[in-house]
N, C-alpha and C. Protein backbone atom coordinates (compact mmCIF):
# COMPACT_ATOMS: atom_id res chain seq x y z
N MET A 1 0.83 -1.19 0.00
CA MET A 1 0.00 0.00 0.00
C MET A 1 0.87 1.25 0.00
N TYR A 2 1.93 1.25 0.81
CA TYR A 2 2.83 2.39 0.91
C TYR A 2 3.52 2.64 -0.42
N LEU A 3 3.94 1.56 -1.08
CA LEU A 3 4.63 1.69 -2.36
C LEU A 3 3.70 2.24 -3.43
N LYS A 4 2.45 1.79 -3.41
CA LYS A 4 1.49 2.29 -4.38
C LYS A 4 1.27 3.78 -4.21
N ASN A 5 1.08 4.23 -2.97
CA ASN A 5 0.87 5.66 -2.71
C ASN A 5 2.11 6.47 -3.06
N SER A 6 3.29 5.90 -2.82
CA SER A 6 4.52 6.59 -3.18
C SER A 6 4.63 6.75 -4.69
N GLY A 7 4.25 5.71 -5.41
CA GLY A 7 4.29 5.75 -6.87
C GLY A 7 3.34 6.79 -7.42
N ILE A 8 2.17 6.87 -6.82
CA ILE A 8 1.19 7.87 -7.26
C ILE A 8 1.71 9.27 -6.95
N ALA A 9 2.30 9.45 -5.78
CA ALA A 9 2.86 10.75 -5.42
C ALA A 9 3.96 11.15 -6.39
N CYS A 10 4.83 10.21 -6.74
CA CYS A 10 5.91 10.50 -7.69
C CYS A 10 5.34 10.86 -9.06
N LEU A 11 4.35 10.12 -9.51
CA LEU A 11 3.72 10.40 -10.79
C LEU A 11 3.07 11.78 -10.77
N PHE A 12 2.44 12.12 -9.64
CA PHE A 12 1.82 13.43 -9.49
C PHE A 12 2.86 14.53 -9.64
N VAL A 13 4.01 14.38 -8.97
CA VAL A 13 5.07 15.37 -9.03
C VAL A 13 5.62 15.48 -10.45
N LEU A 14 5.85 14.34 -11.09
CA LEU A 14 6.39 14.35 -12.44
C LEU A 14 5.42 15.01 -13.43
N LEU A 15 4.15 14.62 -13.36
CA LEU A 15 3.17 15.18 -14.29
C LEU A 15 2.89 16.64 -14.01
N SER A 16 2.90 17.04 -12.74
CA SER A 16 2.63 18.45 -12.43
C SER A 16 3.80 19.32 -12.89
N GLY A 17 4.99 18.76 -12.99
CA GLY A 17 6.13 19.50 -13.51
C GLY A 17 6.03 19.74 -15.00
N CYS A 18 5.12 19.05 -15.67
CA CYS A 18 4.94 19.21 -17.11
C CYS A 18 3.88 20.26 -17.42
N GLY A 19 3.51 21.06 -16.43
CA GLY A 19 2.54 22.12 -16.65
C GLY A 19 1.10 21.65 -16.53
N MET A 20 0.85 20.49 -15.92
CA MET A 20 -0.51 20.00 -15.75
C MET A 20 -1.08 20.52 -14.44
N THR A 21 -2.38 20.79 -14.42
CA THR A 21 -3.04 21.19 -13.18
C THR A 21 -3.29 19.95 -12.33
N GLY A 22 -3.63 20.18 -11.07
CA GLY A 22 -3.93 19.06 -10.17
C GLY A 22 -5.06 18.20 -10.69
N ASP A 23 -6.12 18.83 -11.23
CA ASP A 23 -7.25 18.08 -11.77
C ASP A 23 -6.83 17.22 -12.96
N GLN A 24 -5.94 17.77 -13.80
CA GLN A 24 -5.46 17.00 -14.95
C GLN A 24 -4.62 15.81 -14.50
N VAL A 25 -3.83 16.00 -13.44
CA VAL A 25 -3.00 14.90 -12.92
C VAL A 25 -3.90 13.81 -12.36
N VAL A 26 -4.91 14.19 -11.58
CA VAL A 26 -5.84 13.20 -11.03
C VAL A 26 -6.54 12.46 -12.16
N SER A 27 -6.96 13.20 -13.18
CA SER A 27 -7.61 12.59 -14.34
C SER A 27 -6.66 11.62 -15.03
N GLU A 28 -5.40 11.98 -15.14
CA GLU A 28 -4.39 11.13 -15.78
C GLU A 28 -4.20 9.83 -14.99
N ILE A 29 -4.22 9.93 -13.67
CA ILE A 29 -3.99 8.76 -12.81
C ILE A 29 -5.23 7.88 -12.72
N TYR A 30 -6.38 8.50 -12.45
CA TYR A 30 -7.59 7.73 -12.17
C TYR A 30 -8.57 7.67 -13.32
N GLY A 31 -8.33 8.35 -14.40
CA GLY A 31 -9.27 8.38 -15.51
C GLY A 31 -10.12 9.62 -15.45
N ASP A 32 -10.85 9.89 -16.50
CA ASP A 32 -11.64 11.10 -16.61
C ASP A 32 -12.90 10.99 -15.76
N SER A 33 -12.96 11.80 -14.72
CA SER A 33 -14.15 11.82 -13.87
C SER A 33 -14.84 13.17 -13.98
N GLY A 34 -14.56 13.91 -15.05
CA GLY A 34 -15.13 15.24 -15.21
C GLY A 34 -16.64 15.24 -15.22
N GLU A 35 -17.24 14.27 -15.92
CA GLU A 35 -18.70 14.24 -15.99
C GLU A 35 -19.29 13.94 -14.61
N ASP A 36 -18.68 13.02 -13.87
CA ASP A 36 -19.17 12.73 -12.51
C ASP A 36 -19.06 13.97 -11.64
N GLY A 37 -17.96 14.69 -11.77
CA GLY A 37 -17.79 15.92 -10.99
C GLY A 37 -18.87 16.93 -11.31
N GLN A 38 -19.21 17.04 -12.58
CA GLN A 38 -20.28 17.97 -12.98
C GLN A 38 -21.62 17.52 -12.43
N LEU A 39 -21.86 16.21 -12.42
CA LEU A 39 -23.12 15.69 -11.88
C LEU A 39 -23.20 15.96 -10.38
N TYR A 40 -22.09 15.73 -9.64
CA TYR A 40 -22.08 16.01 -8.20
C TYR A 40 -22.30 17.50 -7.95
N GLN A 41 -21.70 18.36 -8.75
CA GLN A 41 -21.88 19.81 -8.61
C GLN A 41 -23.34 20.18 -8.85
N HIS A 42 -23.94 19.57 -9.87
CA HIS A 42 -25.34 19.85 -10.18
C HIS A 42 -26.25 19.38 -9.03
N LEU A 43 -25.95 18.22 -8.45
CA LEU A 43 -26.74 17.74 -7.30
C LEU A 43 -26.64 18.71 -6.13
N SER A 44 -25.45 19.21 -5.89
CA SER A 44 -25.24 20.16 -4.81
C SER A 44 -26.06 21.44 -5.04
N GLU A 45 -26.06 21.92 -6.28
CA GLU A 45 -26.84 23.11 -6.61
C GLU A 45 -28.33 22.86 -6.45
N LEU A 46 -28.80 21.69 -6.86
CA LEU A 46 -30.22 21.36 -6.73
C LEU A 46 -30.62 21.23 -5.27
N GLN A 47 -29.76 20.62 -4.45
CA GLN A 47 -30.05 20.49 -3.02
C GLN A 47 -30.13 21.87 -2.38
N PHE A 48 -29.22 22.77 -2.74
CA PHE A 48 -29.25 24.13 -2.22
C PHE A 48 -30.54 24.83 -2.63
N LYS A 49 -30.95 24.64 -3.88
CA LYS A 49 -32.18 25.26 -4.38
C LYS A 49 -33.39 24.74 -3.61
N LEU A 50 -33.42 23.44 -3.32
CA LEU A 50 -34.52 22.88 -2.54
C LEU A 50 -34.53 23.45 -1.12
N GLU A 51 -33.35 23.63 -0.55
CA GLU A 51 -33.28 24.22 0.79
C GLU A 51 -33.85 25.64 0.78
N LEU A 52 -33.51 26.41 -0.26
CA LEU A 52 -34.06 27.77 -0.36
C LEU A 52 -35.57 27.77 -0.56
N LEU A 53 -36.05 26.88 -1.43
CA LEU A 53 -37.49 26.82 -1.72
C LEU A 53 -38.31 26.38 -0.52
N THR A 54 -37.72 25.59 0.37
CA THR A 54 -38.48 25.03 1.50
C THR A 54 -38.21 25.73 2.82
N GLN A 55 -37.26 26.65 2.87
CA GLN A 55 -36.92 27.24 4.16
C GLN A 55 -37.98 28.20 4.69
N GLN A 56 -38.78 28.77 3.84
CA GLN A 56 -39.84 29.68 4.27
C GLN A 56 -41.21 29.00 4.15
N ALA A 57 -41.33 27.82 4.71
CA ALA A 57 -42.56 27.04 4.63
C ALA A 57 -43.49 27.42 5.78
N HIS A 58 -44.17 28.56 5.65
CA HIS A 58 -45.04 29.07 6.71
C HIS A 58 -46.30 28.22 6.84
N CYS A 59 -46.73 28.04 8.09
CA CYS A 59 -47.92 27.21 8.35
C CYS A 59 -48.62 27.68 9.60
N SER A 60 -49.86 27.23 9.74
CA SER A 60 -50.61 27.48 10.98
C SER A 60 -51.04 26.17 11.63
N SER A 61 -50.90 25.04 10.89
CA SER A 61 -51.24 23.74 11.46
C SER A 61 -50.42 22.64 10.75
N ASP A 62 -50.35 21.49 11.40
CA ASP A 62 -49.63 20.34 10.83
C ASP A 62 -50.22 19.91 9.49
N PHE A 63 -51.52 20.15 9.31
CA PHE A 63 -52.22 19.73 8.10
C PHE A 63 -51.61 20.33 6.83
N GLU A 64 -51.01 21.52 6.95
CA GLU A 64 -50.42 22.19 5.79
C GLU A 64 -49.03 21.65 5.41
N CYS A 65 -48.39 20.92 6.30
CA CYS A 65 -47.00 20.50 6.12
C CYS A 65 -46.89 19.17 5.37
N ARG A 66 -45.98 19.13 4.42
CA ARG A 66 -45.72 17.94 3.59
C ARG A 66 -44.22 17.70 3.53
N THR A 67 -43.86 16.54 3.04
CA THR A 67 -42.44 16.25 2.79
C THR A 67 -42.27 15.78 1.36
N ILE A 68 -41.06 15.98 0.85
CA ILE A 68 -40.71 15.46 -0.46
C ILE A 68 -39.32 14.83 -0.31
N GLY A 69 -39.20 13.62 -0.82
CA GLY A 69 -37.92 12.91 -0.77
C GLY A 69 -37.20 13.03 -2.09
N VAL A 70 -35.87 13.11 -2.03
CA VAL A 70 -35.06 13.16 -3.24
C VAL A 70 -33.91 12.16 -3.12
N GLY A 71 -33.46 11.69 -4.28
CA GLY A 71 -32.40 10.69 -4.29
C GLY A 71 -32.95 9.34 -3.89
N THR A 72 -32.15 8.30 -4.07
CA THR A 72 -32.58 6.96 -3.71
C THR A 72 -31.47 6.25 -2.95
N LYS A 73 -31.80 5.73 -1.78
CA LYS A 73 -30.81 4.94 -1.02
C LYS A 73 -30.79 3.52 -1.58
N PRO A 74 -29.65 2.84 -1.50
CA PRO A 74 -29.54 1.49 -2.07
C PRO A 74 -30.56 0.49 -1.51
N CYS A 75 -30.94 0.65 -0.25
CA CYS A 75 -31.88 -0.29 0.36
C CYS A 75 -33.32 0.21 0.32
N GLY A 76 -33.54 1.32 -0.36
CA GLY A 76 -34.89 1.85 -0.48
C GLY A 76 -35.06 3.16 0.27
N GLY A 77 -36.05 3.88 -0.11
CA GLY A 77 -36.31 5.18 0.49
C GLY A 77 -35.48 6.27 -0.14
N SER A 78 -35.76 7.49 0.23
CA SER A 78 -35.06 8.65 -0.33
C SER A 78 -33.80 8.95 0.46
N ARG A 79 -32.86 9.60 -0.21
CA ARG A 79 -31.59 9.99 0.40
C ARG A 79 -31.80 11.18 1.35
N TYR A 80 -32.61 12.16 0.92
CA TYR A 80 -32.88 13.36 1.71
C TYR A 80 -34.39 13.64 1.68
N TYR A 81 -34.86 14.30 2.73
CA TYR A 81 -36.24 14.74 2.79
C TYR A 81 -36.27 16.23 3.10
N PHE A 82 -37.25 16.91 2.52
CA PHE A 82 -37.44 18.33 2.75
C PHE A 82 -38.88 18.56 3.16
N ALA A 83 -39.08 19.43 4.16
CA ALA A 83 -40.42 19.81 4.60
C ALA A 83 -40.83 21.08 3.87
N TYR A 84 -42.09 21.15 3.46
CA TYR A 84 -42.61 22.35 2.80
C TYR A 84 -44.07 22.54 3.20
N SER A 85 -44.58 23.71 2.91
CA SER A 85 -45.96 24.03 3.22
C SER A 85 -46.81 23.95 1.96
N ALA A 86 -47.89 23.20 2.02
CA ALA A 86 -48.79 23.08 0.87
C ALA A 86 -49.48 24.40 0.57
N SER A 87 -49.56 25.30 1.56
CA SER A 87 -50.26 26.56 1.36
C SER A 87 -49.35 27.74 1.02
N SER A 88 -48.07 27.70 1.43
CA SER A 88 -47.24 28.89 1.19
C SER A 88 -45.98 28.60 0.35
N SER A 89 -45.70 27.36 0.02
CA SER A 89 -44.53 27.03 -0.80
C SER A 89 -44.93 26.89 -2.26
N ASP A 90 -43.97 27.07 -3.14
CA ASP A 90 -44.20 26.87 -4.57
C ASP A 90 -44.05 25.37 -4.86
N VAL A 91 -45.14 24.64 -4.70
CA VAL A 91 -45.13 23.18 -4.80
C VAL A 91 -44.70 22.72 -6.19
N THR A 92 -45.12 23.45 -7.23
CA THR A 92 -44.75 23.08 -8.60
C THR A 92 -43.24 23.17 -8.78
N GLU A 93 -42.62 24.25 -8.30
CA GLU A 93 -41.17 24.43 -8.42
C GLU A 93 -40.42 23.38 -7.59
N ILE A 94 -40.89 23.12 -6.37
CA ILE A 94 -40.25 22.12 -5.51
C ILE A 94 -40.28 20.76 -6.19
N THR A 95 -41.42 20.38 -6.73
CA THR A 95 -41.57 19.09 -7.41
C THR A 95 -40.66 19.00 -8.62
N SER A 96 -40.56 20.08 -9.37
CA SER A 96 -39.72 20.11 -10.57
C SER A 96 -38.24 19.94 -10.20
N VAL A 97 -37.78 20.66 -9.19
CA VAL A 97 -36.38 20.55 -8.76
C VAL A 97 -36.10 19.16 -8.20
N ALA A 98 -37.04 18.62 -7.43
CA ALA A 98 -36.87 17.27 -6.87
C ALA A 98 -36.78 16.23 -7.98
N ARG A 99 -37.58 16.38 -9.01
CA ARG A 99 -37.54 15.45 -10.16
C ARG A 99 -36.19 15.54 -10.86
N GLU A 100 -35.69 16.76 -11.05
CA GLU A 100 -34.38 16.95 -11.69
C GLU A 100 -33.27 16.35 -10.83
N TYR A 101 -33.39 16.50 -9.49
CA TYR A 101 -32.41 15.89 -8.58
C TYR A 101 -32.40 14.38 -8.77
N ASP A 102 -33.59 13.77 -8.79
CA ASP A 102 -33.68 12.31 -8.93
C ASP A 102 -33.07 11.83 -10.25
N ILE A 103 -33.33 12.54 -11.33
CA ILE A 103 -32.78 12.16 -12.63
C ILE A 103 -31.25 12.22 -12.61
N THR A 104 -30.71 13.29 -12.04
CA THR A 104 -29.25 13.44 -11.95
C THR A 104 -28.64 12.39 -11.03
N ASP A 105 -29.29 12.15 -9.90
CA ASP A 105 -28.80 11.15 -8.94
C ASP A 105 -28.80 9.76 -9.57
N ASN A 106 -29.82 9.45 -10.36
CA ASN A 106 -29.88 8.14 -11.02
C ASN A 106 -28.77 7.98 -12.04
N LYS A 107 -28.38 9.05 -12.71
CA LYS A 107 -27.26 8.97 -13.65
C LYS A 107 -25.98 8.54 -12.93
N LEU A 108 -25.75 9.08 -11.76
CA LEU A 108 -24.57 8.71 -10.98
C LEU A 108 -24.68 7.29 -10.45
N ASP A 109 -25.86 6.92 -9.95
CA ASP A 109 -26.05 5.58 -9.39
C ASP A 109 -25.80 4.49 -10.41
N HIS A 110 -26.13 4.73 -11.65
CA HIS A 110 -25.93 3.72 -12.68
C HIS A 110 -24.49 3.66 -13.15
N ARG A 111 -23.71 4.73 -12.91
CA ARG A 111 -22.34 4.79 -13.40
C ARG A 111 -21.31 4.37 -12.35
N ILE A 112 -21.61 4.60 -11.08
CA ILE A 112 -20.64 4.29 -10.03
C ILE A 112 -21.30 3.44 -8.96
N GLU A 113 -20.49 2.72 -8.23
CA GLU A 113 -21.01 1.88 -7.16
C GLU A 113 -21.10 2.71 -5.89
N ARG A 114 -22.24 2.74 -5.29
CA ARG A 114 -22.45 3.49 -4.06
C ARG A 114 -21.91 2.70 -2.87
N ALA A 115 -21.30 3.42 -1.94
CA ALA A 115 -20.76 2.78 -0.75
C ALA A 115 -21.59 3.13 0.48
N ASP A 116 -22.85 3.49 0.27
CA ASP A 116 -23.72 3.84 1.39
C ASP A 116 -23.95 2.63 2.27
N ARG A 117 -24.11 2.92 3.56
CA ARG A 117 -24.54 1.85 4.45
C ARG A 117 -25.96 1.49 4.09
N CYS A 118 -26.31 0.25 4.27
CA CYS A 118 -27.63 -0.21 3.87
C CYS A 118 -28.64 0.15 4.96
N VAL A 119 -29.09 1.39 4.93
CA VAL A 119 -30.09 1.89 5.85
C VAL A 119 -31.22 2.45 5.00
N THR A 120 -32.40 1.97 5.24
CA THR A 120 -33.56 2.43 4.47
C THR A 120 -33.89 3.86 4.86
N GLY A 121 -34.09 4.70 3.84
CA GLY A 121 -34.52 6.07 4.09
C GLY A 121 -36.00 6.07 4.48
N VAL A 122 -36.33 6.70 5.60
CA VAL A 122 -37.70 6.70 6.10
C VAL A 122 -38.21 8.13 6.18
N ASP A 123 -39.38 8.34 5.63
CA ASP A 123 -40.04 9.65 5.70
C ASP A 123 -40.86 9.69 6.98
N LEU A 124 -40.40 10.49 7.94
CA LEU A 124 -41.10 10.60 9.22
C LEU A 124 -42.19 11.67 9.19
N GLY A 125 -42.28 12.37 8.06
CA GLY A 125 -43.30 13.40 7.93
C GLY A 125 -42.82 14.75 8.40
N ALA A 126 -43.73 15.71 8.39
CA ALA A 126 -43.42 17.07 8.79
C ALA A 126 -44.50 17.57 9.73
N SER A 127 -44.12 18.57 10.53
CA SER A 127 -45.09 19.18 11.44
C SER A 127 -44.86 20.68 11.46
N CYS A 128 -45.85 21.40 11.97
CA CYS A 128 -45.80 22.85 12.05
C CYS A 128 -45.28 23.24 13.44
N ARG A 129 -44.10 23.85 13.46
CA ARG A 129 -43.52 24.33 14.72
C ARG A 129 -43.12 25.78 14.55
N ASN A 130 -43.53 26.62 15.46
CA ASN A 130 -43.23 28.05 15.39
C ASN A 130 -43.63 28.64 14.04
N GLN A 131 -44.75 28.18 13.52
CA GLN A 131 -45.33 28.64 12.25
C GLN A 131 -44.47 28.33 11.03
N LEU A 132 -43.62 27.29 11.12
CA LEU A 132 -42.82 26.82 9.99
C LEU A 132 -42.92 25.29 9.91
N CYS A 133 -43.03 24.76 8.71
CA CYS A 133 -43.03 23.31 8.53
C CYS A 133 -41.60 22.79 8.69
N VAL A 134 -41.44 21.78 9.53
CA VAL A 134 -40.13 21.18 9.78
C VAL A 134 -40.27 19.67 9.74
N LEU A 135 -39.16 18.99 9.46
CA LEU A 135 -39.17 17.53 9.46
C LEU A 135 -39.31 17.01 10.87
N LYS A 136 -40.05 15.92 11.03
CA LYS A 136 -40.14 15.25 12.33
C LYS A 136 -38.91 14.35 12.48
N TYR A 137 -38.38 14.27 13.66
CA TYR A 137 -37.24 13.38 13.92
C TYR A 137 -37.51 12.46 15.05
C-alpha cells in the first residue's frame, strides 16, 4: 500500500512538472471523472435550491405540512427529505427541482457503485412548529 501511494505521489510530481493542473493529474492517474464531478456539482446546486425553496414554509397547522424525498438509497427510500408548506410554498417548483435531482442522482447511481450503508430512508413526515413546517425526527 505504501509503495502504491509513493508511486502515485511521484507520478503526481512528475506530471505536475509538465505544466498540468492538479485536476489534470488526477484525471491522468484515475481516468476522466469530469462528468461525474459535474453531476455532483449539479446535485449540490439542486439540493441548495430545494433548501431555499423550502426554508420559508409558513404554516398554521400540521395539516399544511408535507415532505418530499429526493435521491434513492440502495436499500430503499429517499436519500434526503425536505419539509414544505402546501399553502405557502411553490409546490410546482419544488416538485420540478426534486424530479431533476432524482434524474441526476440516477445517472450517478448507474455509473458508479455506491458505498452507502444499507439503511432504508424513512419519511417521518413534517409538522408545524413556530409557524414553519419542519421535518419530524
